[in-house]
Amino acid sequence: MQLQTLTAISPLDGRYRPKVDLLVNYFSEYALIRYRVWVEIEYYIALHEVGLPGLSPVSEESKTWLRNVYEAFGVGKAARVKEIEAVTNHDVKAVEYFLKEKLEKAPDKSLDRNKEFVHFGLTSQDINNTATPMMLRDALQEAYLPRLDEVIAELSAYAEAWKSIPMLARTHGQPASPTTLGKEFAVYVARLQAQRDELAAMPVPGKFGGATGNFNAHYIAYPDTDWEAFAEQFLTQQLGLSRSKPTTQIDHYDGLSRIFDALKRINTILIDLCQDCWLYISQEYFRQKVKKNEVGSSAMPHKVNPIDFENGEGNLGMSTAMLEFLSRKLPVSRLQRDLTDSTVLRNLGVGMGYSYLALHSIQRGLGKLLVNEAGISSDLNANWAILAEAIQTILRREGTEKPYELLKALTRGKATVTQKDLLVFIEGLSVSDAVKEELRGLTPAGYVGNAGG
């Protein structure tokens, strides 16, 4: 059966494909082949620049021609690499042979004459452990972080717009000292911004050093060349990566694990956000915008479900499960390498894809929120017992004996404590009229500390 969105096994490539389509540029097999071609071409150019005997620098015209191979690389070119792989049964070797085919047609015939410098002295992981980090880096910079920034910006706008809306807080699910709706969203802004900035600042590591990380082949061919300096320059300047060193045949992946762990922390914060929004909707602090022809339940016509936050929560969990596995598995490799890293890294797009999809769902959910100020106010004003903290604190200031215990006896475990109950209690206190007046002026909505900004 031919692959299409209805026949795809993964929902990322099926049901959710339109929402994650941008990630094709970074995590598809086409993308992996393109990035491999990118690394091989830049390495070929760099070898001509380092001053090896008999190897002259490539002209600017030839550099443009070479770089156009990966800049204009399309699915058709990737299909040709796959045809070669069907013969070689080796994916990176197929890229090498593909490039040699291209060099045979180069306008500058010296490129063809020097075609054996394609993949010179390298092992497959010098290509994979640079191409894959580049894919991740670009996906973060060009897809993930911009979408995360949109979510943070929307949360920030809500935090500002709602900063003066008093709201009953709940600790352990029970009524607690009031806050404001805006302040609670500002908490998520601060948490996400901190993790976002840390993620954006993390170096993206790559490996480059030959078959076992020692440049054996390079030094045997050109012993007078400083290959360590070459590799450092090549990865940092040409590819925009930081170089892991020393390594075995493969990157030790500790740097990538650090990135995955940062993504997991962002996922965790977003799960917390999804659950809180879900609860606020269930408490009728929020209502949701509806579309006329949408259906919330196949049986109950009245339903408007918080499905975007539920989808977001579920997909964040899927993402975290994959990122957790990658973070835990990749740094472990038998001796100088085994192949398990290669097969599991092909699922990097799954972990990133579910997180990216979740951001889409969260944006939709946030866009539907309608504040129900009447509902928020009603809940707050039904809980006068929360002023027990304020009253006992003022009484402590005034030197009243055991004020905490007095308020505990009045309020703890009571089904309801009304404003009238508090006023009667205040009248019986042995404090000045001025203090009584101060206590009588307390209201749940006015007891928000600095939550209102």
Protein backbone atom coordinates (compact mmCIF):
# COMPACT_ATOMS: atom_id res chain seq x y z
CA MET A 1 0.00 0.00 0.00
CA GLN A 2 1.47 3.32 -1.06
CA LEU A 3 2.49 5.68 1.74
CA GLN A 4 0.21 8.64 2.30
CA THR A 5 -1.12 10.36 5.39
CA LEU A 6 -3.92 7.78 5.69
CA THR A 7 -1.55 4.81 5.46
CA ALA A 8 1.32 6.14 7.60
CA ILE A 9 2.12 4.11 10.70
CA SER A 10 3.28 7.12 12.69
CA PRO A 11 0.63 9.76 13.41
CA LEU A 12 3.32 12.40 12.92
CA ASP A 13 3.50 11.38 9.26
CA GLY A 14 -0.23 10.69 9.10
CA ARG A 15 -2.89 12.54 11.04
CA TYR A 16 -0.58 15.31 12.26
CA ARG A 17 1.56 15.75 9.16
CA PRO A 18 0.23 19.23 8.23
CA LYS A 19 1.12 20.52 11.71
CA VAL A 20 4.71 19.23 11.69
CA ASP A 21 5.47 19.53 7.99
CA LEU A 22 8.21 22.11 8.61
CA LEU A 23 10.26 19.45 10.41
CA VAL A 24 10.68 17.50 7.17
CA ASN A 25 13.52 19.91 6.43
CA TYR A 26 15.42 18.69 9.49
CA PHE A 27 14.43 15.16 10.49
CA SER A 28 13.39 13.23 7.39
CA GLU A 29 15.76 10.84 5.65
CA TYR A 30 15.87 13.33 2.80
CA ALA A 31 17.11 15.94 5.28
CA LEU A 32 19.72 13.58 6.73
CA ILE A 33 21.09 12.85 3.25
CA ARG A 34 21.16 16.57 2.41
CA TYR A 35 23.07 17.42 5.57
CA ARG A 36 25.53 14.60 4.90
CA VAL A 37 26.13 16.03 1.43
CA TRP A 38 26.58 19.45 3.05
CA VAL A 39 29.31 18.17 5.40
CA GLU A 40 31.12 16.21 2.68
CA ILE A 41 31.23 19.21 0.34
CA GLU A 42 32.45 21.62 3.00
CA TYR A 43 35.11 19.09 4.02
CA TYR A 44 36.20 18.70 0.37
CA ILE A 45 36.54 22.48 0.08
CA ALA A 46 38.36 22.75 3.41
CA LEU A 47 40.93 20.12 2.38
CA HIS A 48 41.81 22.26 -0.61
CA GLU A 49 42.31 25.25 1.70
CA VAL A 50 44.61 23.67 4.27
CA GLY A 51 47.73 23.62 2.11
CA LEU A 52 48.17 19.93 1.41
CA PRO A 53 50.94 19.27 -1.14
CA GLY A 54 49.54 19.24 -4.66
CA LEU A 55 46.05 20.39 -3.59
CA SER A 56 45.31 23.99 -4.55
CA PRO A 57 42.48 26.11 -3.12
CA VAL A 58 39.16 25.85 -4.95
CA SER A 59 38.18 28.92 -6.95
CA GLU A 60 35.27 31.05 -5.80
CA GLU A 61 33.30 29.96 -8.88
CA SER A 62 33.89 26.30 -8.05
CA LYS A 63 32.94 26.85 -4.41
CA THR A 64 29.65 28.32 -5.56
CA TRP A 65 29.09 25.34 -7.88
CA LEU A 66 29.93 22.86 -5.10
CA ARG A 67 27.76 24.52 -2.48
CA ASN A 68 24.86 24.65 -4.88
CA VAL A 69 24.84 20.83 -4.76
CA TYR A 70 23.54 20.89 -1.18
CA GLU A 71 21.78 24.25 -1.31
CA ALA A 72 19.62 23.11 -4.24
CA PHE A 73 19.44 19.52 -3.03
CA GLY A 74 15.97 18.09 -3.63
CA VAL A 75 14.13 14.86 -3.05
CA GLY A 76 15.09 13.67 -6.53
CA LYS A 77 18.79 13.91 -5.64
CA ALA A 78 18.13 12.06 -2.39
CA ALA A 79 16.41 9.33 -4.39
CA ARG A 80 19.59 8.94 -6.47
CA VAL A 81 21.61 8.45 -3.26
CA LYS A 82 19.12 5.78 -2.21
CA GLU A 83 19.60 4.02 -5.56
CA ILE A 84 23.33 3.89 -4.92
CA GLU A 85 22.72 2.70 -1.36
CA ALA A 86 20.68 -0.21 -2.74
CA VAL A 87 23.95 -1.40 -4.31
CA THR A 88 26.44 -0.46 -1.60
CA ASN A 89 24.21 -1.35 1.35
CA HIS A 90 25.91 1.56 3.11
CA ASP A 91 24.20 4.93 3.42
CA VAL A 92 27.24 7.19 3.91
CA LYS A 93 29.28 5.45 1.21
CA ALA A 94 26.34 6.09 -1.11
CA VAL A 95 26.70 9.82 -0.44
CA GLU A 96 30.40 9.63 -1.29
CA TYR A 97 29.70 7.88 -4.60
CA PHE A 98 26.90 10.36 -5.37
CA LEU A 99 29.29 13.28 -4.93
CA LYS A 100 31.91 11.65 -7.10
CA GLU A 101 29.26 11.37 -9.82
CA LYS A 102 28.58 15.08 -9.44
CA LEU A 103 32.27 15.97 -9.60
CA GLU A 104 32.62 14.11 -12.90
CA LYS A 105 30.26 16.72 -14.35
CA ALA A 106 31.89 19.76 -12.71
CA PRO A 107 32.85 22.65 -15.03
CA ASP A 108 36.21 22.80 -13.23
CA LYS A 109 37.91 19.53 -14.23
CA SER A 110 40.32 19.76 -11.28
CA LEU A 111 37.39 18.92 -9.01
CA ASP A 112 36.98 15.59 -10.79
CA ARG A 113 40.72 14.92 -10.71
CA ASN A 114 40.66 15.41 -6.95
CA LYS A 115 37.48 13.43 -6.32
CA GLU A 116 39.29 10.90 -4.09
CA PHE A 117 39.50 13.68 -1.52
CA VAL A 118 35.75 13.28 -1.03
CA HIS A 119 35.49 11.49 2.35
CA PHE A 120 39.30 11.48 2.60
CA GLY A 121 40.47 9.77 5.81
CA LEU A 122 36.98 9.80 7.32
CA THR A 123 34.70 7.25 8.88
CA SER A 124 30.92 7.39 8.54
CA GLN A 125 30.52 8.89 11.99
CA ASP A 126 32.57 11.94 11.04
CA ILE A 127 29.65 12.66 8.72
CA ASN A 128 26.78 11.39 10.86
CA ASN A 129 28.05 13.04 14.05
CA THR A 130 28.23 16.39 12.29
CA ALA A 131 25.17 16.16 10.03
CA THR A 132 22.81 15.10 12.84
CA PRO A 133 23.85 17.86 15.28
CA MET A 134 23.51 20.40 12.45
CA MET A 135 20.01 19.13 11.76
CA LEU A 136 19.09 19.45 15.43
CA ARG A 137 20.68 22.90 15.70
CA ASP A 138 18.80 24.24 12.69
CA ALA A 139 15.53 22.66 13.77
CA LEU A 140 15.85 24.33 17.17
CA GLN A 141 16.76 27.73 15.73
CA GLU A 142 14.39 27.79 12.77
CA ALA A 143 11.37 25.80 13.98
CA TYR A 144 11.21 24.86 17.66
CA LEU A 145 12.45 28.02 19.40
CA PRO A 146 10.37 30.40 17.24
CA ARG A 147 7.23 28.43 18.10
CA LEU A 148 8.15 28.25 21.77
CA ASP A 149 8.73 32.01 21.68
CA GLU A 150 5.21 32.47 20.31
CA VAL A 151 3.78 30.50 23.24
CA ILE A 152 5.84 32.50 25.73
CA ALA A 153 4.72 35.76 24.11
CA GLU A 154 1.07 34.75 24.33
CA LEU A 155 1.46 33.76 27.97
CA SER A 156 3.22 37.06 28.65
CA ALA A 157 0.39 39.01 27.05
CA TYR A 158 -2.14 37.17 29.21
CA ALA A 159 -0.04 37.76 32.32
CA GLU A 160 -0.16 41.49 31.65
CA ALA A 161 -3.83 41.60 30.65
CA TRP A 162 -5.00 39.59 33.65
CA LYS A 163 -2.63 40.92 36.33
CA SER A 164 -5.44 42.77 38.13
CA ILE A 165 -7.96 39.92 38.24
CA PRO A 166 -8.00 38.59 41.84
CA MET A 167 -8.31 34.81 42.03
CA LEU A 168 -8.56 32.20 44.73
CA ALA A 169 -5.33 30.22 44.94
CA ARG A 170 -5.35 26.55 45.77
CA THR A 171 -2.62 24.64 47.53
CA HIS A 172 -3.15 20.89 47.93
CA GLY A 173 -6.36 21.56 46.00
CA GLN A 174 -7.73 23.58 48.94
CA PRO A 175 -8.57 27.30 49.11
CA ALA A 176 -5.47 29.36 49.90
CA SER A 177 -4.31 32.96 50.02
CA PRO A 178 -5.52 34.81 46.92
CA THR A 179 -3.40 35.59 43.90
CA THR A 180 -4.16 37.10 40.52
CA LEU A 181 -4.80 35.24 37.30
CA GLY A 182 -2.08 37.23 35.54
CA LYS A 183 0.55 36.46 38.16
CA GLU A 184 -0.03 32.72 37.82
CA PHE A 185 0.56 32.96 34.07
CA ALA A 186 3.64 35.11 34.73
CA VAL A 187 5.07 32.16 36.66
CA TYR A 188 5.00 30.09 33.47
CA VAL A 189 6.55 32.90 31.47
CA ALA A 190 9.49 33.07 33.87
CA ARG A 191 9.96 29.31 33.99
CA LEU A 192 9.80 28.82 30.24
CA GLN A 193 11.96 31.84 29.44
CA ALA A 194 14.73 30.63 31.74
CA GLN A 195 14.79 27.17 30.18
CA ARG A 196 14.45 28.55 26.67
CA ASP A 197 17.46 30.84 27.15
CA GLU A 198 19.53 28.02 28.61
CA LEU A 199 18.65 25.74 25.70
CA ALA A 200 19.46 28.41 23.10
CA ALA A 201 22.87 29.02 24.67
CA MET A 202 23.92 25.37 24.73
CA PRO A 203 26.74 24.44 22.34
CA VAL A 204 25.80 21.81 19.77
CA PRO A 205 28.62 19.25 19.68
CA GLY A 206 30.00 17.21 16.81
CA LYS A 207 32.69 14.57 16.37
CA PHE A 208 35.49 14.65 13.81
CA GLY A 209 38.58 12.47 14.05
CA GLY A 210 38.63 9.45 11.76
CA ALA A 211 38.01 5.77 12.37
CA THR A 212 38.73 5.75 16.12
CA GLY A 213 39.05 9.47 16.81
CA ASN A 214 42.84 9.69 16.37
CA PHE A 215 43.22 10.92 12.75
CA ASN A 216 45.21 7.76 12.00
CA ALA A 217 44.64 7.89 8.24
CA HIS A 218 45.16 11.65 8.06
CA TYR A 219 48.51 11.59 9.82
CA ILE A 220 49.83 8.60 7.89
CA ALA A 221 49.12 10.44 4.62
CA TYR A 222 50.12 13.97 5.70
CA PRO A 223 52.12 13.77 8.94
CA ASP A 224 53.14 17.43 8.87
CA THR A 225 49.58 18.78 8.88
CA ASP A 226 48.01 19.81 12.20
CA TRP A 227 44.81 17.83 11.80
CA GLU A 228 43.60 18.68 15.30
CA ALA A 229 43.69 22.38 14.45
CA PHE A 230 42.07 21.63 11.09
CA ALA A 231 39.20 19.78 12.73
CA GLU A 232 38.67 22.51 15.29
CA GLN A 233 38.54 25.15 12.58
CA PHE A 234 36.35 23.06 10.31
CA LEU A 235 33.69 22.25 12.89
CA THR A 236 33.52 25.66 14.53
CA GLN A 237 33.88 27.90 11.48
CA GLN A 238 32.52 25.90 8.54
CA LEU A 239 29.85 23.83 10.30
CA GLY A 240 29.00 25.98 13.32
CA LEU A 241 29.44 23.19 15.88
CA SER A 242 31.56 22.72 18.96
CA ARG A 243 33.98 19.81 18.70
CA SER A 244 33.87 16.93 21.18
CA LYS A 245 37.37 15.71 22.00
CA PRO A 246 38.83 13.24 22.52
CA THR A 247 36.35 10.69 21.20
CA THR A 248 36.17 7.12 20.02
CA GLN A 249 34.79 6.43 16.56
CA ILE A 250 31.60 8.22 17.61
CA ASP A 251 30.66 11.29 19.56
CA HIS A 252 30.16 10.48 23.21
CA TYR A 253 26.78 12.27 22.96
CA ASP A 254 26.98 13.91 26.39
CA GLY A 255 26.38 17.30 24.76
CA LEU A 256 23.33 16.09 22.87
CA SER A 257 22.01 14.48 26.05
CA ARG A 258 22.28 17.86 27.73
CA ILE A 259 20.14 19.38 24.98
CA PHE A 260 17.59 16.56 25.27
CA ASP A 261 17.40 17.08 29.03
CA ALA A 262 16.76 20.80 28.50
CA LEU A 263 13.95 19.95 26.11
CA LYS A 264 12.52 17.53 28.66
CA ARG A 265 12.45 20.28 31.28
CA ILE A 266 10.54 22.55 28.90
CA ASN A 267 8.14 19.68 28.19
CA THR A 268 7.60 19.23 31.93
CA ILE A 269 6.79 22.91 32.45
CA LEU A 270 4.37 22.83 29.52
CA ILE A 271 2.66 19.73 30.93
CA ASP A 272 2.18 21.67 34.17
CA LEU A 273 0.68 24.54 32.15
CA CYS A 274 -1.67 22.21 30.27
CA GLN A 275 -2.92 20.63 33.47
CA ASP A 276 -3.49 23.98 35.17
CA CYS A 277 -5.38 25.36 32.17
CA TRP A 278 -7.46 22.18 32.10
CA LEU A 279 -8.31 22.63 35.79
CA TYR A 280 -9.13 26.32 35.40
CA ILE A 281 -11.51 25.42 32.58
CA SER A 282 -13.13 22.72 34.71
CA GLN A 283 -13.58 25.29 37.51
CA GLU A 284 -15.16 27.67 34.99
CA TYR A 285 -12.46 30.29 35.47
CA PHE A 286 -12.19 30.07 31.71
CA ARG A 287 -14.72 29.41 29.01
CA GLN A 288 -13.64 28.46 25.50
CA LYS A 289 -14.39 30.00 22.15
CA VAL A 290 -16.51 27.69 20.03
CA LYS A 291 -16.84 27.10 16.32
CA LYS A 292 -20.37 26.61 15.06
CA ASN A 293 -19.90 23.28 13.30
CA GLU A 294 -17.51 21.65 15.77
CA VAL A 295 -18.69 18.82 18.02
CA GLY A 296 -17.50 18.25 21.59
CA SER A 297 -19.06 14.86 22.19
CA SER A 298 -20.72 12.22 20.04
CA ALA A 299 -23.44 11.88 22.71
CA MET A 300 -23.59 15.12 24.73
CA PRO A 301 -24.34 18.18 22.60
CA HIS A 302 -23.39 20.69 25.30
CA LYS A 303 -19.74 19.62 25.60
CA VAL A 304 -16.86 21.98 24.85
CA ASN A 305 -13.85 19.92 25.83
CA PRO A 306 -10.34 21.27 26.58
CA ILE A 307 -8.93 18.95 23.93
CA ASP A 308 -6.03 21.18 22.91
CA PHE A 309 -4.53 21.09 26.38
CA GLU A 310 -5.20 17.36 26.60
CA ASN A 311 -3.52 16.76 23.24
CA GLY A 312 -0.65 18.98 24.28
CA GLU A 313 -0.16 17.08 27.52
CA GLY A 314 -0.26 13.71 25.80
CA ASN A 315 2.15 14.67 23.04
CA LEU A 316 4.57 16.26 25.49
CA GLY A 317 4.62 12.95 27.32
CA MET A 318 5.40 11.13 24.08
CA SER A 319 8.21 13.57 23.34
CA THR A 320 9.69 13.25 26.81
CA ALA A 321 9.64 9.45 26.62
CA MET A 322 11.68 9.51 23.41
CA LEU A 323 14.07 12.25 24.57
CA GLU A 324 14.58 10.45 27.89
CA PHE A 325 15.51 7.26 26.04
CA LEU A 326 17.89 9.08 23.70
CA SER A 327 19.50 10.95 26.59
CA ARG A 328 20.02 7.74 28.52
CA LYS A 329 20.98 5.42 25.68
CA LEU A 330 23.25 7.44 23.38
CA PRO A 331 26.17 8.03 25.78
CA VAL A 332 26.55 4.24 26.22
CA SER A 333 28.44 2.43 23.43
CA ARG A 334 30.49 -0.76 23.58
CA LEU A 335 34.23 -0.05 23.46
CA GLN A 336 35.05 2.27 20.54
CA ARG A 337 31.53 2.01 19.05
CA ASP A 338 28.55 -0.12 18.30
CA LEU A 339 25.76 0.60 15.84
CA THR A 340 22.92 1.15 18.29
CA ASP A 341 23.37 4.92 18.26
CA SER A 342 22.77 5.03 14.52
CA THR A 343 19.40 3.33 14.54
CA VAL A 344 18.00 5.16 17.56
CA LEU A 345 19.12 8.59 16.33
CA ARG A 346 16.87 8.12 13.33
CA ASN A 347 14.03 8.67 15.82
CA LEU A 348 15.26 12.10 16.91
CA GLY A 349 12.56 13.64 14.76
CA VAL A 350 9.93 11.69 16.69
CA GLY A 351 10.95 13.22 20.00
CA MET A 352 11.19 16.69 18.51
CA GLY A 353 8.06 16.20 16.41
CA TYR A 354 5.78 15.46 19.35
CA SER A 355 7.11 18.45 21.28
CA TYR A 356 6.62 20.72 18.27
CA LEU A 357 3.11 19.31 17.77
CA ALA A 358 2.32 19.96 21.44
CA LEU A 359 3.32 23.61 21.07
CA HIS A 360 0.84 23.86 18.21
CA SER A 361 -1.92 22.41 20.40
CA ILE A 362 -1.08 24.70 23.30
CA GLN A 363 -1.23 27.74 21.02
CA ARG A 364 -4.68 26.67 19.86
CA GLY A 365 -5.80 26.11 23.42
CA LEU A 366 -4.53 29.46 24.64
CA GLY A 367 -6.22 31.16 21.71
CA LYS A 368 -9.61 29.78 22.79
CA LEU A 369 -9.48 30.99 26.40
CA LEU A 370 -12.15 33.44 27.54
CA VAL A 371 -11.83 34.73 31.10
CA ASN A 372 -14.96 34.23 33.21
CA GLU A 373 -14.39 37.02 35.71
CA ALA A 374 -17.78 36.45 37.31
CA GLY A 375 -16.95 32.83 38.00
CA ILE A 376 -13.52 33.70 39.37
CA SER A 377 -14.99 36.40 41.62
CA SER A 378 -17.79 34.13 42.84
CA ASP A 379 -15.35 31.42 43.86
CA LEU A 380 -13.14 33.93 45.64
CA ASN A 381 -16.00 35.56 47.53
CA ALA A 382 -17.33 32.18 48.65
CA ASN A 383 -14.13 31.59 50.62
CA TRP A 384 -13.84 34.22 53.36
CA ALA A 385 -11.95 31.73 55.51
CA ILE A 386 -8.80 32.52 53.54
CA LEU A 387 -8.62 35.82 55.45
CA ALA A 388 -7.71 33.84 58.56
CA GLU A 389 -4.04 34.21 57.59
CA ALA A 390 -4.36 37.97 57.24
CA ILE A 391 -6.25 38.42 60.52
CA GLN A 392 -3.94 36.26 62.63
CA THR A 393 -0.89 38.03 61.15
CA ILE A 394 -2.25 41.48 62.08
CA LEU A 395 -3.07 40.18 65.57
CA ARG A 396 0.50 38.90 65.92
CA ARG A 397 1.66 42.41 65.08
CA GLU A 398 -0.60 43.78 67.81
CA GLY A 399 0.71 41.32 70.42
CA THR A 400 -2.50 39.30 70.80
CA GLU A 401 -1.88 35.99 72.55
CA LYS A 402 -2.12 32.85 70.38
CA PRO A 403 -3.82 34.51 67.38
CA TYR A 404 -3.11 31.54 65.09
CA GLU A 405 -4.96 29.23 67.47
CA LEU A 406 -7.90 31.64 67.71
CA LEU A 407 -8.33 31.68 63.93
CA LYS A 408 -7.80 27.95 63.70
CA ALA A 409 -10.67 27.36 66.10
CA LEU A 410 -12.86 29.72 64.10
CA THR A 411 -12.16 28.41 60.61
CA ARG A 412 -10.44 25.03 60.33
CA GLY A 413 -12.67 22.24 59.04
CA LYS A 414 -15.77 24.42 58.85
CA ALA A 415 -18.06 23.90 55.87
CA THR A 416 -18.42 27.62 55.37
CA VAL A 417 -17.03 30.72 57.00
CA THR A 418 -18.89 33.85 55.97
CA GLN A 419 -18.05 37.51 56.10
CA LYS A 420 -20.55 37.81 58.93
CA ASP A 421 -18.72 35.13 60.94
CA LEU A 422 -15.51 37.08 60.64
CA LEU A 423 -17.15 40.38 61.60
CA VAL A 424 -18.63 38.82 64.75
CA PHE A 425 -15.20 37.40 65.61
CA ILE A 426 -13.53 40.78 65.06
CA GLU A 427 -15.99 42.56 67.37
CA GLY A 428 -15.05 40.20 70.19
CA LEU A 429 -11.31 40.90 69.96
CA SER A 430 -9.44 42.88 72.60
CA VAL A 431 -7.83 45.31 70.19
CA SER A 432 -8.22 48.98 69.44
CA ASP A 433 -11.07 50.35 67.36
CA ALA A 434 -8.53 51.32 64.70
CA VAL A 435 -7.32 47.74 64.41
CA LYS A 436 -10.89 46.45 64.29
CA GLU A 437 -11.62 48.87 61.51
CA GLU A 438 -8.52 47.64 59.68
CA LEU A 439 -9.68 44.02 60.06
CA ARG A 440 -13.24 44.83 58.95
CA GLY A 441 -11.80 46.31 55.75
CA LEU A 442 -10.22 43.04 54.68
CA THR A 443 -11.74 41.30 51.63
CA PRO A 444 -10.65 38.23 49.68
CA ALA A 445 -10.24 40.29 46.51
CA GLY A 446 -8.06 42.84 48.29
CA TYR A 447 -5.76 40.29 49.88
CA VAL A 448 -3.42 39.59 46.97
CA GLY A 449 -0.10 40.95 48.21
CA ASN A 450 2.04 42.02 45.28
CA ALA A 451 0.43 39.56 42.86
CA GLY A 452 -1.19 42.44 41.01
CA GLY A 453 2.18 43.76 39.93
